[in-house]
Amino acid sequence: MKTTTKAKPTMTCTECDRKCQRFGKHRNGLRRFRCPQCKKTYTEPHEKTLGEMYVTEDRVLLALKMLLEGNSVASVSRITDLDKHTILKALVLAGERCEKVMARLVVNVSVKDVQADEIWSFIGKKQKRVEIGDDPNFGAASLVIATWHFFSGMSLIVTVRFS
């Protein structure tokens, strides 16, 4: 886990442009400040995990590690006390970051074998039961995964297409 020491931040009042004094802590642990002249209070800026979330980095990392180990979203939610939607949002944000890293780093790679697998399924209802007014996503669906094999024991999933 990463430990950081907080520097003593200073706040300046936006109303009267005076340096604010420390004024306790907010319920989430962030420091509060108060202007000595106009008595307006401020909270130090929130640090956002993965650029969009206010949940602590430790909790998000624990949730992602548990998902990687095969735990369900419901069990991760119970153990970490995070909402299911928060866990899924963290998973999407982490996946987007991984996609950017792969696009930047995995370039001009020599490949020994390529393996493609396809999985058929349906969404909502089978294709023969789909009616005209139904959601256009209902019906037959397939998932195609292409895997590159570099050498024995080393492979990388490079393409996932859902249709």
C-alpha atoms as a PDB file:
ATOM      1  CA  MET A   1       0.000   0.000   0.000  1.00  0.00           C
ATOM      2  CA  LYS A   2       1.121   3.507  -0.735  1.00  0.00           C
ATOM      3  CA  THR A   3       1.546   5.912   2.188  1.00  0.00           C
ATOM      4  CA  THR A   4       1.770   9.621   1.636  1.00  0.00           C
ATOM      5  CA  THR A   5       2.239  12.436   4.094  1.00  0.00           C
ATOM      6  CA  LYS A   6       0.006  15.426   3.623  1.00  0.00           C
ATOM      7  CA  ALA A   7       1.656  18.802   3.277  1.00  0.00           C
ATOM      8  CA  LYS A   8       0.067  21.626   5.217  1.00  0.00           C
ATOM      9  CA  PRO A   9      -2.265  23.128   2.650  1.00  0.00           C
ATOM     10  CA  THR A  10      -3.242  26.748   2.784  1.00  0.00           C
ATOM     11  CA  MET A  11      -6.586  28.042   1.665  1.00  0.00           C
ATOM     12  CA  THR A  12      -7.375  31.550   0.544  1.00  0.00           C
ATOM     13  CA  CYS A  13     -10.917  32.860   0.904  1.00  0.00           C
ATOM     14  CA  THR A  14     -12.547  33.501  -2.464  1.00  0.00           C
ATOM     15  CA  GLU A  15     -14.721  36.286  -1.014  1.00  0.00           C
ATOM     16  CA  CYS A  16     -12.223  38.465   0.858  1.00  0.00           C
ATOM     17  CA  ASP A  17      -8.880  37.074  -0.415  1.00  0.00           C
ATOM     18  CA  ARG A  18      -7.520  36.371   3.091  1.00  0.00           C
ATOM     19  CA  LYS A  19      -5.570  33.354   4.282  1.00  0.00           C
ATOM     20  CA  CYS A  20      -7.885  30.873   6.021  1.00  0.00           C
ATOM     21  CA  GLN A  21      -7.229  29.169   9.350  1.00  0.00           C
ATOM     22  CA  ARG A  22      -7.549  25.455  10.077  1.00  0.00           C
ATOM     23  CA  PHE A  23     -11.030  24.614  11.335  1.00  0.00           C
ATOM     24  CA  GLY A  24     -11.202  20.878  12.165  1.00  0.00           C
ATOM     25  CA  LYS A  25     -11.973  17.984   9.849  1.00  0.00           C
ATOM     26  CA  HIS A  26     -14.779  17.069   7.507  1.00  0.00           C
ATOM     27  CA  ARG A  27     -16.726  13.826   8.136  1.00  0.00           C
ATOM     28  CA  ASN A  28     -14.662  12.092   5.437  1.00  0.00           C
ATOM     29  CA  GLY A  29     -11.365  13.055   7.105  1.00  0.00           C
ATOM     30  CA  LEU A  30     -10.394  15.991   4.899  1.00  0.00           C
ATOM     31  CA  ARG A  31      -9.236  19.175   6.633  1.00  0.00           C
ATOM     32  CA  ARG A  32     -11.535  22.172   6.893  1.00  0.00           C
ATOM     33  CA  PHE A  33     -10.576  25.845   6.864  1.00  0.00           C
ATOM     34  CA  ARG A  34     -12.417  29.041   7.886  1.00  0.00           C
ATOM     35  CA  CYS A  35     -11.874  32.618   6.837  1.00  0.00           C
ATOM     36  CA  PRO A  36     -11.222  34.785   9.926  1.00  0.00           C
ATOM     37  CA  GLN A  37     -12.990  37.772   8.377  1.00  0.00           C
ATOM     38  CA  CYS A  38     -16.184  36.493   6.665  1.00  0.00           C
ATOM     39  CA  LYS A  39     -16.374  33.126   8.553  1.00  0.00           C
ATOM     40  CA  LYS A  40     -16.909  31.161   5.323  1.00  0.00           C
ATOM     41  CA  THR A  41     -15.654  27.535   5.545  1.00  0.00           C
ATOM     42  CA  TYR A  42     -13.787  25.487   2.947  1.00  0.00           C
ATOM     43  CA  THR A  43     -12.696  21.865   2.653  1.00  0.00           C
ATOM     44  CA  GLU A  44      -9.367  20.829   1.146  1.00  0.00           C
ATOM     45  CA  PRO A  45      -9.691  19.415  -2.392  1.00  0.00           C
ATOM     46  CA  HIS A  46     -10.752  15.787  -2.741  1.00  0.00           C
ATOM     47  CA  GLU A  47      -8.353  13.376  -4.408  1.00  0.00           C
ATOM     48  CA  LYS A  48     -10.163  11.268  -6.978  1.00  0.00           C
ATOM     49  CA  THR A  49      -9.266   7.601  -7.397  1.00  0.00           C
ATOM     50  CA  LEU A  50      -8.882   6.617 -11.076  1.00  0.00           C
ATOM     51  CA  GLY A  51      -9.626  10.240 -11.929  1.00  0.00           C
ATOM     52  CA  GLU A  52     -13.376  10.036 -11.241  1.00  0.00           C
ATOM     53  CA  MET A  53     -14.130   8.376  -7.884  1.00  0.00           C
ATOM     54  CA  TYR A  54     -14.074   9.713  -4.320  1.00  0.00           C
ATOM     55  CA  VAL A  55     -13.601   6.254  -2.773  1.00  0.00           C
ATOM     56  CA  THR A  56     -10.159   5.683  -1.246  1.00  0.00           C
ATOM     57  CA  GLU A  57      -7.539   4.046  -3.432  1.00  0.00           C
ATOM     58  CA  ASP A  58      -7.053   1.187  -0.936  1.00  0.00           C
ATOM     59  CA  ARG A  59     -10.716   0.175  -1.092  1.00  0.00           C
ATOM     60  CA  VAL A  60     -10.823   0.315  -4.886  1.00  0.00           C
ATOM     61  CA  LEU A  61      -7.621  -1.739  -5.193  1.00  0.00           C
ATOM     62  CA  LEU A  62      -8.988  -4.334  -2.761  1.00  0.00           C
ATOM     63  CA  ALA A  63     -12.217  -4.585  -4.774  1.00  0.00           C
ATOM     64  CA  LEU A  64     -10.333  -4.975  -8.075  1.00  0.00           C
ATOM     65  CA  LYS A  65      -7.997  -7.607  -6.595  1.00  0.00           C
ATOM     66  CA  MET A  66     -10.979  -9.572  -5.299  1.00  0.00           C
ATOM     67  CA  LEU A  67     -12.645  -9.439  -8.727  1.00  0.00           C
ATOM     68  CA  LEU A  68      -9.417 -10.686 -10.334  1.00  0.00           C
ATOM     69  CA  GLU A  69      -9.366 -13.588  -7.881  1.00  0.00           C
ATOM     70  CA  GLY A  70     -12.823 -14.639  -9.078  1.00  0.00           C
ATOM     71  CA  ASN A  71     -15.115 -13.202  -6.392  1.00  0.00           C
ATOM     72  CA  SER A  72     -18.543 -12.055  -7.523  1.00  0.00           C
ATOM     73  CA  VAL A  73     -19.522  -8.386  -7.549  1.00  0.00           C
ATOM     74  CA  ALA A  74     -22.076  -9.089  -4.800  1.00  0.00           C
ATOM     75  CA  SER A  75     -19.491 -10.697  -2.499  1.00  0.00           C
ATOM     76  CA  VAL A  76     -16.977  -7.900  -3.161  1.00  0.00           C
ATOM     77  CA  SER A  77     -19.717  -5.397  -2.330  1.00  0.00           C
ATOM     78  CA  ARG A  78     -20.467  -7.110   0.981  1.00  0.00           C
ATOM     79  CA  ILE A  79     -16.817  -7.411   2.017  1.00  0.00           C
ATOM     80  CA  THR A  80     -15.605  -3.935   0.994  1.00  0.00           C
ATOM     81  CA  ASP A  81     -18.808  -2.044   1.864  1.00  0.00           C
ATOM     82  CA  LEU A  82     -18.844  -0.505  -1.624  1.00  0.00           C
ATOM     83  CA  ASP A  83     -21.949  -0.205  -3.768  1.00  0.00           C
ATOM     84  CA  LYS A  84     -22.205  -2.617  -6.711  1.00  0.00           C
ATOM     85  CA  HIS A  85     -22.364   0.282  -9.161  1.00  0.00           C
ATOM     86  CA  THR A  86     -19.175   1.762  -7.659  1.00  0.00           C
ATOM     87  CA  ILE A  87     -17.364  -1.552  -8.084  1.00  0.00           C
ATOM     88  CA  LEU A  88     -18.507  -1.870 -11.698  1.00  0.00           C
ATOM     89  CA  LYS A  89     -17.506   1.744 -12.406  1.00  0.00           C
ATOM     90  CA  ALA A  90     -14.032   1.065 -10.955  1.00  0.00           C
ATOM     91  CA  LEU A  91     -13.757  -2.048 -13.130  1.00  0.00           C
ATOM     92  CA  VAL A  92     -14.670  -0.071 -16.269  1.00  0.00           C
ATOM     93  CA  LEU A  93     -12.226   2.740 -15.422  1.00  0.00           C
ATOM     94  CA  ALA A  94      -9.412   0.263 -14.726  1.00  0.00           C
ATOM     95  CA  GLY A  95     -10.193  -1.561 -17.986  1.00  0.00           C
ATOM     96  CA  GLU A  96     -10.064   1.690 -19.954  1.00  0.00           C
ATOM     97  CA  ARG A  97      -6.685   2.499 -18.435  1.00  0.00           C
ATOM     98  CA  CYS A  98      -5.397  -1.000 -19.280  1.00  0.00           C
ATOM     99  CA  GLU A  99      -6.625  -0.589 -22.853  1.00  0.00           C
ATOM    100  CA  LYS A 100      -4.674   2.671 -23.202  1.00  0.00           C
ATOM    101  CA  VAL A 101      -1.521   1.059 -21.814  1.00  0.00           C
ATOM    102  CA  MET A 102      -1.839  -1.918 -24.171  1.00  0.00           C
ATOM    103  CA  ALA A 103      -2.409   0.343 -27.180  1.00  0.00           C
ATOM    104  CA  ARG A 104       0.745   2.268 -26.305  1.00  0.00           C
ATOM    105  CA  LEU A 105       3.037  -0.620 -25.329  1.00  0.00           C
ATOM    106  CA  VAL A 106       1.957  -3.654 -27.377  1.00  0.00           C
ATOM    107  CA  VAL A 107       3.257  -2.670 -30.816  1.00  0.00           C
ATOM    108  CA  ASN A 108       5.119  -4.671 -33.494  1.00  0.00           C
ATOM    109  CA  VAL A 109       5.080  -7.936 -31.555  1.00  0.00           C
ATOM    110  CA  SER A 110       6.185 -11.119 -33.311  1.00  0.00           C
ATOM    111  CA  VAL A 111       3.596 -13.833 -32.825  1.00  0.00           C
ATOM    112  CA  LYS A 112       4.012 -17.601 -32.922  1.00  0.00           C
ATOM    113  CA  ASP A 113       0.327 -18.655 -33.006  1.00  0.00           C
ATOM    114  CA  VAL A 114      -3.047 -16.939 -33.034  1.00  0.00           C
ATOM    115  CA  GLN A 115      -6.067 -18.670 -31.539  1.00  0.00           C
ATOM    116  CA  ALA A 116      -9.634 -17.424 -32.021  1.00  0.00           C
ATOM    117  CA  ASP A 117     -12.548 -18.636 -29.941  1.00  0.00           C
ATOM    118  CA  GLU A 118     -16.222 -17.820 -30.336  1.00  0.00           C
ATOM    119  CA  ILE A 119     -18.990 -18.147 -27.771  1.00  0.00           C
ATOM    120  CA  TRP A 120     -22.657 -18.057 -28.791  1.00  0.00           C
ATOM    121  CA  SER A 121     -25.398 -16.929 -26.447  1.00  0.00           C
ATOM    122  CA  PHE A 122     -28.526 -14.775 -26.393  1.00  0.00           C
ATOM    123  CA  ILE A 123     -29.556 -11.576 -24.656  1.00  0.00           C
ATOM    124  CA  GLY A 124     -33.017 -11.241 -23.155  1.00  0.00           C
ATOM    125  CA  LYS A 125     -34.604 -13.886 -25.356  1.00  0.00           C
ATOM    126  CA  LYS A 126     -33.716 -16.250 -28.138  1.00  0.00           C
ATOM    127  CA  GLN A 127     -33.688 -14.900 -31.697  1.00  0.00           C
ATOM    128  CA  LYS A 128     -36.916 -16.655 -32.769  1.00  0.00           C
ATOM    129  CA  ARG A 129     -38.814 -14.964 -29.878  1.00  0.00           C
ATOM    130  CA  VAL A 130     -37.692 -11.401 -30.704  1.00  0.00           C
ATOM    131  CA  GLU A 131     -40.582  -9.156 -31.790  1.00  0.00           C
ATOM    132  CA  ILE A 132     -40.582  -5.874 -33.710  1.00  0.00           C
ATOM    133  CA  GLY A 133     -41.056  -3.629 -30.627  1.00  0.00           C
ATOM    134  CA  ASP A 134     -38.337  -5.319 -28.533  1.00  0.00           C
ATOM    135  CA  ASP A 135     -35.015  -3.830 -27.546  1.00  0.00           C
ATOM    136  CA  PRO A 136     -32.628  -4.039 -30.549  1.00  0.00           C
ATOM    137  CA  ASN A 137     -30.003  -5.679 -28.306  1.00  0.00           C
ATOM    138  CA  PHE A 138     -32.244  -8.712 -27.671  1.00  0.00           C
ATOM    139  CA  GLY A 139     -31.567 -11.925 -29.548  1.00  0.00           C
ATOM    140  CA  ALA A 140     -28.557 -13.960 -30.600  1.00  0.00           C
ATOM    141  CA  ALA A 141     -25.130 -12.748 -29.559  1.00  0.00           C
ATOM    142  CA  SER A 142     -21.592 -13.930 -30.120  1.00  0.00           C
ATOM    143  CA  LEU A 143     -18.324 -13.108 -28.421  1.00  0.00           C
ATOM    144  CA  VAL A 144     -15.070 -13.534 -30.385  1.00  0.00           C
ATOM    145  CA  ILE A 145     -11.756 -13.588 -28.521  1.00  0.00           C
ATOM    146  CA  ALA A 146      -8.392 -13.652 -30.332  1.00  0.00           C
ATOM    147  CA  THR A 147      -5.364 -14.743 -28.327  1.00  0.00           C
ATOM    148  CA  TRP A 148      -1.743 -14.362 -29.381  1.00  0.00           C
ATOM    149  CA  HIS A 149       0.757 -16.937 -28.168  1.00  0.00           C
ATOM    150  CA  PHE A 150       4.312 -15.586 -27.976  1.00  0.00           C
ATOM    151  CA  PHE A 151       6.110 -18.621 -26.562  1.00  0.00           C
ATOM    152  CA  SER A 152       5.225 -21.450 -24.199  1.00  0.00           C
ATOM    153  CA  GLY A 153       3.347 -20.135 -21.192  1.00  0.00           C
ATOM    154  CA  MET A 154       3.002 -16.552 -22.498  1.00  0.00           C
ATOM    155  CA  SER A 155      -0.184 -15.391 -24.212  1.00  0.00           C
ATOM    156  CA  LEU A 156      -2.162 -12.177 -24.547  1.00  0.00           C
ATOM    157  CA  ILE A 157      -5.803 -11.531 -25.366  1.00  0.00           C
ATOM    158  CA  VAL A 158      -5.665  -8.877 -28.064  1.00  0.00           C
ATOM    159  CA  THR A 159      -9.147  -8.680 -29.540  1.00  0.00           C
ATOM    160  CA  VAL A 160     -12.591  -8.999 -28.048  1.00  0.00           C
ATOM    161  CA  ARG A 161     -15.610  -8.368 -30.269  1.00  0.00           C
ATOM    162  CA  PHE A 162     -19.205  -8.640 -29.141  1.00  0.00           C
ATOM    163  CA  SER A 163     -21.981  -8.713 -31.697  1.00  0.00           C
END
